[in-house]
Amino acid sequence: MQAPKEVFHQERPTPTSVNKKPELKYLTSWKEIANYLGKGVRTVQRYEAELGLPVRRPAGKSRAAVMATRAEIDAWVDSSPIRPAVQRSVSEMVAHDPQLNEIREGVREMHELRRQMSALRAETRSSLNLLIAGLQLLRNSSKAQRTHSKEIESALHSSSKLAWHSVAANDGGGETN
């Protein structure tokens, strides 16, 4: 008769299993998050503000209740810049990533093209200033030539009148009345 008692006793939960709290998947307050990390509430809040600790809030509320998952917090701790070994392995992965190397090469090429463009702009600006100076010189010399041409033309015109008068005076002995 004792056997049925033992079977019944095994089916009922033991007092220790009833008092044991199941491990929460979600942490729903600053206090729970702080306890999980072994830090103070203010320190954990600073981690969120300055270091990007992954916490979630209800939509539209900037300072309302918070919630975080253990997995996200663990991943954040594992990838934090505090751990130099992790930092080295990430930088080694980045150094050998072909896509990132292609992007780096593109950025280098962009900087070189920008430097060349800047030099070409300076050269173009210099050529433009020389052209403007040449045009101004040509315009000024053209004005001087036109003035000089007008002076020569008027001198020729007046000298031809004088020559005409002197030829007429020598031909007929003067004017007829």
Protein backbone atom coordinates (compact mmCIF):
# COMPACT_ATOMS: atom_id res chain seq x y z
CA MET A 1 0.00 0.00 0.00
CA GLN A 2 2.90 2.26 0.32
CA ALA A 3 3.61 2.21 -3.38
CA PRO A 4 0.56 4.28 -4.34
CA LYS A 5 1.56 6.93 -1.80
CA GLU A 6 4.96 7.29 -3.35
CA VAL A 7 3.50 7.62 -6.83
CA PHE A 8 1.09 10.32 -5.64
CA HIS A 9 3.89 12.11 -3.86
CA GLN A 10 6.03 12.19 -7.02
CA GLU A 11 3.26 13.77 -9.06
CA ARG A 12 2.82 16.71 -6.68
CA PRO A 13 5.31 19.54 -6.96
CA THR A 14 7.84 19.73 -4.19
CA PRO A 15 7.90 22.84 -1.99
CA THR A 16 11.31 23.85 -3.32
CA SER A 17 10.14 23.80 -6.95
CA VAL A 18 7.09 25.96 -6.07
CA ASN A 19 9.19 28.66 -4.38
CA LYS A 20 11.76 28.72 -7.18
CA LYS A 21 11.09 31.59 -9.61
CA PRO A 22 11.53 30.70 -13.27
CA GLU A 23 14.33 32.64 -14.96
CA LEU A 24 12.72 35.57 -16.72
CA LYS A 25 13.37 36.01 -20.43
CA TYR A 26 12.46 39.71 -20.18
CA LEU A 27 13.71 42.26 -17.68
CA THR A 28 10.95 44.82 -17.17
CA SER A 29 12.47 47.52 -15.00
CA TRP A 30 15.67 49.42 -14.44
CA LYS A 31 16.09 47.54 -11.18
CA GLU A 32 15.86 44.12 -12.83
CA ILE A 33 18.30 45.17 -15.57
CA ALA A 34 20.71 46.59 -12.99
CA ASN A 35 20.51 43.42 -10.88
CA TYR A 36 21.12 41.27 -13.96
CA LEU A 37 24.26 43.27 -14.81
CA GLY A 38 25.33 43.56 -11.18
CA LYS A 39 25.35 47.37 -11.35
CA GLY A 40 23.34 50.23 -9.89
CA VAL A 41 20.22 51.63 -11.55
CA ARG A 42 21.86 54.99 -12.35
CA THR A 43 24.89 53.23 -13.85
CA VAL A 44 22.66 51.13 -16.11
CA GLN A 45 20.73 54.25 -17.15
CA ARG A 46 24.05 55.93 -18.00
CA TYR A 47 25.04 52.84 -20.02
CA GLU A 48 21.84 53.25 -22.01
CA ALA A 49 22.37 56.97 -22.63
CA GLU A 50 26.11 56.92 -23.36
CA LEU A 51 26.97 53.42 -24.51
CA GLY A 52 23.78 52.26 -26.20
CA LEU A 53 22.59 49.60 -23.77
CA PRO A 54 19.69 47.94 -25.64
CA VAL A 55 16.47 48.74 -23.79
CA ARG A 56 13.00 49.17 -25.21
CA ARG A 57 10.20 51.51 -24.24
CA PRO A 58 6.53 51.63 -25.17
CA ALA A 59 5.91 53.54 -28.40
CA GLY A 60 5.81 57.31 -28.01
CA LYS A 61 7.23 57.35 -24.51
CA SER A 62 10.76 58.66 -24.08
CA ARG A 63 11.23 58.05 -20.35
CA ALA A 64 8.56 55.48 -19.54
CA ALA A 65 8.92 51.92 -18.35
CA VAL A 66 11.73 49.95 -19.91
CA MET A 67 12.13 46.39 -21.04
CA ALA A 68 15.14 44.41 -22.19
CA THR A 69 15.89 40.84 -23.12
CA ARG A 70 18.67 38.92 -21.51
CA ALA A 71 19.97 37.84 -24.92
CA GLU A 72 20.29 41.45 -26.15
CA ILE A 73 22.03 42.55 -22.96
CA ASP A 74 24.41 39.58 -23.14
CA ALA A 75 25.20 40.38 -26.78
CA TRP A 76 25.77 44.06 -25.87
CA VAL A 77 28.15 43.10 -23.04
CA ASP A 78 30.02 40.67 -25.31
CA SER A 79 30.47 43.28 -28.05
CA SER A 80 31.25 46.23 -25.79
CA PRO A 81 34.50 48.10 -26.47
CA ILE A 82 35.64 47.22 -22.96
CA ARG A 83 36.86 43.85 -24.16
CA PRO A 84 40.09 44.28 -26.18
CA ALA A 85 40.10 40.64 -27.36
CA VAL A 86 36.71 41.13 -29.00
CA GLN A 87 37.84 44.44 -30.44
CA ARG A 88 40.93 42.83 -32.00
CA SER A 89 38.96 39.98 -33.54
CA VAL A 90 36.44 42.42 -35.06
CA SER A 91 39.20 44.61 -36.48
CA GLU A 92 40.90 41.52 -37.92
CA MET A 93 37.64 40.46 -39.56
CA VAL A 94 37.13 43.94 -40.96
CA ALA A 95 40.68 44.08 -42.32
CA HIS A 96 40.10 40.93 -44.37
CA ASP A 97 36.58 41.69 -45.56
CA PRO A 98 36.71 42.12 -49.38
CA GLN A 99 33.63 44.36 -49.51
CA LEU A 100 35.07 46.75 -46.91
CA ASN A 101 38.41 46.75 -48.72
CA GLU A 102 36.58 47.64 -51.94
CA ILE A 103 34.83 50.50 -50.14
CA ARG A 104 38.14 51.69 -48.68
CA GLU A 105 39.72 51.66 -52.15
CA GLY A 106 36.74 53.62 -53.51
CA VAL A 107 37.15 56.23 -50.76
CA ARG A 108 40.89 56.52 -51.50
CA GLU A 109 40.13 56.97 -55.20
CA MET A 110 37.48 59.58 -54.36
CA HIS A 111 40.01 61.55 -52.29
CA GLU A 112 42.56 61.42 -55.14
CA LEU A 113 39.95 62.57 -57.68
CA ARG A 114 38.95 65.39 -55.35
CA ARG A 115 42.58 66.49 -55.06
CA GLN A 116 42.97 66.40 -58.86
CA MET A 117 39.73 68.34 -59.33
CA SER A 118 40.94 70.99 -56.92
CA ALA A 119 44.21 71.34 -58.87
CA LEU A 120 42.29 71.58 -62.16
CA ARG A 121 40.03 74.27 -60.71
CA ALA A 122 43.06 76.30 -59.65
CA GLU A 123 44.60 75.89 -63.11
CA THR A 124 41.33 76.88 -64.80
CA ARG A 125 41.00 79.92 -62.53
CA SER A 126 44.56 80.97 -63.40
CA SER A 127 43.92 80.53 -67.14
CA LEU A 128 40.70 82.52 -66.88
CA ASN A 129 42.50 85.38 -65.10
CA LEU A 130 45.19 85.40 -67.83
CA LEU A 131 42.51 85.44 -70.53
CA ILE A 132 40.68 88.33 -68.86
CA ALA A 133 43.93 90.28 -68.54
CA GLY A 134 44.73 89.60 -72.22
CA LEU A 135 41.27 90.76 -73.31
CA GLN A 136 41.58 93.97 -71.28
CA LEU A 137 44.99 94.63 -72.82
CA LEU A 138 43.61 93.97 -76.30
CA ARG A 139 40.62 96.24 -75.64
CA ASN A 140 42.89 99.04 -74.39
CA SER A 141 45.28 98.66 -77.31
CA SER A 142 42.34 98.53 -79.69
CA LYS A 143 41.04 101.81 -78.28
CA ALA A 144 44.51 103.31 -78.62
CA GLN A 145 44.78 102.06 -82.20
CA ARG A 146 41.36 103.44 -83.07
CA THR A 147 42.33 106.77 -81.56
CA HIS A 148 45.65 106.66 -83.39
CA SER A 149 43.91 105.63 -86.63
CA LYS A 150 41.49 108.53 -86.30
CA GLU A 151 44.39 110.90 -85.69
CA ILE A 152 46.21 109.55 -88.75
CA GLU A 153 43.03 109.71 -90.81
CA SER A 154 42.33 113.28 -89.78
CA ALA A 155 45.98 114.18 -90.39
CA LEU A 156 45.83 112.57 -93.81
CA HIS A 157 42.56 114.25 -94.53
CA SER A 158 43.89 117.66 -93.55
CA SER A 159 47.17 117.10 -95.41
CA SER A 160 45.28 116.04 -98.52
CA LYS A 161 43.26 119.25 -98.32
CA LEU A 162 46.48 121.19 -98.04
CA ALA A 163 47.98 119.31 -100.92
CA TRP A 164 44.84 119.85 -102.97
CA HIS A 165 44.92 123.55 -102.29
CA SER A 166 48.59 123.79 -103.14
CA VAL A 167 48.07 121.83 -106.41
CA ALA A 168 45.17 124.04 -107.29
CA ALA A 169 47.25 127.13 -106.54
CA ASN A 170 50.10 125.92 -108.69
CA ASP A 171 47.86 124.94 -111.60
CA GLY A 172 45.94 127.95 -112.42
CA GLY A 173 47.49 130.68 -110.59
CA GLY A 174 44.81 130.99 -108.06
CA GLU A 175 41.13 131.14 -107.88
CA THR A 176 38.91 132.54 -110.57
CA ASN A 177 36.17 134.92 -109.75
